[in-house]
C-alpha atoms as a PDB file:
ATOM      1  CA  MET A   1      -9.042   5.709  -7.380  1.00  0.00           C
ATOM      2  CA  THR A   2      -7.725   6.567  -3.926  1.00  0.00           C
ATOM      3  CA  GLN A   3      -4.223   6.016  -2.421  1.00  0.00           C
ATOM      4  CA  GLY A   4      -6.157   3.697  -0.192  1.00  0.00           C
ATOM      5  CA  GLU A   5      -7.705   1.784  -3.030  1.00  0.00           C
ATOM      6  CA  ARG A   6      -4.452   1.261  -4.616  1.00  0.00           C
ATOM      7  CA  VAL A   7      -2.998  -0.197  -1.148  1.00  0.00           C
ATOM      8  CA  LYS A   8      -5.758  -2.370  -1.462  1.00  0.00           C
ATOM      9  CA  GLN A   9      -5.203  -3.119  -5.124  1.00  0.00           C
ATOM     10  CA  ALA A  10      -1.527  -3.691  -4.960  1.00  0.00           C
ATOM     11  CA  ARG A  11      -1.996  -6.142  -1.474  1.00  0.00           C
ATOM     12  CA  LYS A  12      -4.447  -8.305  -3.451  1.00  0.00           C
ATOM     13  CA  SER A  13      -1.828  -7.940  -7.075  1.00  0.00           C
ATOM     14  CA  LEU A  14       0.770  -9.666  -4.380  1.00  0.00           C
ATOM     15  CA  GLY A  15      -1.312 -12.404  -2.462  1.00  0.00           C
ATOM     16  CA  LEU A  16      -1.217 -11.279   0.951  1.00  0.00           C
ATOM     17  CA  THR A  17      -3.412 -10.741   3.333  1.00  0.00           C
ATOM     18  CA  LEU A  18      -3.923  -7.604   5.705  1.00  0.00           C
ATOM     19  CA  GLU A  19      -1.535  -9.097   8.102  1.00  0.00           C
ATOM     20  CA  GLN A  20       1.106 -10.143   6.065  1.00  0.00           C
ATOM     21  CA  PHE A  21       1.364  -6.999   4.240  1.00  0.00           C
ATOM     22  CA  GLY A  22       0.779  -4.974   7.522  1.00  0.00           C
ATOM     23  CA  GLU A  23       3.676  -7.209   9.347  1.00  0.00           C
ATOM     24  CA  LYS A  24       5.916  -6.170   6.035  1.00  0.00           C
ATOM     25  CA  VAL A  25       5.243  -2.228   6.728  1.00  0.00           C
ATOM     26  CA  GLY A  26       5.266  -2.868  10.569  1.00  0.00           C
ATOM     27  CA  VAL A  27       1.615  -2.111  11.255  1.00  0.00           C
ATOM     28  CA  THR A  28      -1.667  -4.045  12.174  1.00  0.00           C
ATOM     29  CA  LYS A  29      -3.665  -5.553  10.206  1.00  0.00           C
ATOM     30  CA  GLN A  30      -6.411  -3.138  11.185  1.00  0.00           C
ATOM     31  CA  THR A  31      -4.386   0.026  10.202  1.00  0.00           C
ATOM     32  CA  VAL A  32      -3.845  -1.297   7.013  1.00  0.00           C
ATOM     33  CA  SER A  33      -7.754  -2.091   6.360  1.00  0.00           C
ATOM     34  CA  ARG A  34      -8.246   1.630   7.749  1.00  0.00           C
ATOM     35  CA  ILE A  35      -5.975   2.702   5.343  1.00  0.00           C
ATOM     36  CA  GLU A  36      -7.649   0.520   2.270  1.00  0.00           C
ATOM     37  CA  ASN A  37     -11.287   1.528   3.533  1.00  0.00           C
ATOM     38  CA  GLY A  38     -10.465   5.364   3.328  1.00  0.00           C
ATOM     39  CA  ILE A  39     -10.278   5.930   7.434  1.00  0.00           C
ATOM     40  CA  ASN A  40      -6.598   6.509   7.874  1.00  0.00           C
ATOM     41  CA  ASN A  41      -4.529   8.334   5.334  1.00  0.00           C
ATOM     42  CA  LEU A  42      -0.975   6.882   4.280  1.00  0.00           C
ATOM     43  CA  THR A  43       1.835   8.763   6.238  1.00  0.00           C
ATOM     44  CA  GLU A  44       5.242   9.491   3.848  1.00  0.00           C
ATOM     45  CA  GLN A  45       6.423   6.990   5.897  1.00  0.00           C
ATOM     46  CA  MET A  46       4.573   3.821   5.125  1.00  0.00           C
ATOM     47  CA  ILE A  47       4.425   5.150   1.087  1.00  0.00           C
ATOM     48  CA  LYS A  48       8.415   4.501   1.312  1.00  0.00           C
ATOM     49  CA  SER A  49       7.931   1.343   3.209  1.00  0.00           C
ATOM     50  CA  ILE A  50       5.542  -0.368   0.932  1.00  0.00           C
ATOM     51  CA  CYS A  51       7.667   1.162  -1.973  1.00  0.00           C
ATOM     52  CA  ARG A  52      10.673  -0.514  -0.673  1.00  0.00           C
ATOM     53  CA  GLU A  53       8.807  -3.992   0.676  1.00  0.00           C
ATOM     54  CA  PHE A  54       6.990  -4.896  -2.531  1.00  0.00           C
ATOM     55  CA  GLY A  55       8.848  -2.773  -5.230  1.00  0.00           C
ATOM     56  CA  VAL A  56       5.518  -0.551  -5.844  1.00  0.00           C
ATOM     57  CA  ASP A  57       6.309   2.440  -7.833  1.00  0.00           C
ATOM     58  CA  TYR A  58       6.242   5.550  -5.965  1.00  0.00           C
ATOM     59  CA  ILE A  59       4.332   7.968  -8.582  1.00  0.00           C
ATOM     60  CA  TRP A  60       1.519   5.104  -8.945  1.00  0.00           C
ATOM     61  CA  LEU A  61       1.318   5.037  -5.445  1.00  0.00           C
ATOM     62  CA  THR A  62       0.524   8.291  -4.561  1.00  0.00           C
ATOM     63  CA  THR A  63      -0.966   9.994  -7.746  1.00  0.00           C
ATOM     64  CA  GLY A  64      -2.335   6.755  -9.708  1.00  0.00           C
ATOM     65  CA  GLU A  65       0.234   7.560 -12.719  1.00  0.00           C
ATOM     66  CA  GLY A  66       2.323   4.815 -14.392  1.00  0.00           C
ATOM     67  CA  GLU A  67       2.938   1.020 -13.663  1.00  0.00           C
ATOM     68  CA  MET A  68       2.283  -0.566 -10.496  1.00  0.00           C
ATOM     69  CA  PHE A  69       5.448  -2.159  -9.716  1.00  0.00           C
ATOM     70  CA  VAL A  70       8.940  -0.230 -10.420  1.00  0.00           C
ATOM     71  CA  ASP A  71      10.454  -2.786 -12.917  1.00  0.00           C
END
């Protein structure tokens, strides 16, 4: 699974639209869509924003190991 696919999985499990997810991390819904579809790569800054805003585990988001959310 790619980082983009993990972003999509996290977003869907949170029940958020592309727009809602993007607003929280400061990007457009088009940017979120492009990341989920593997067109754009996640930046380190965006990874940190996603982890901070949504409680997503950094290791899971970057490598796919462990649990999706931090306890």
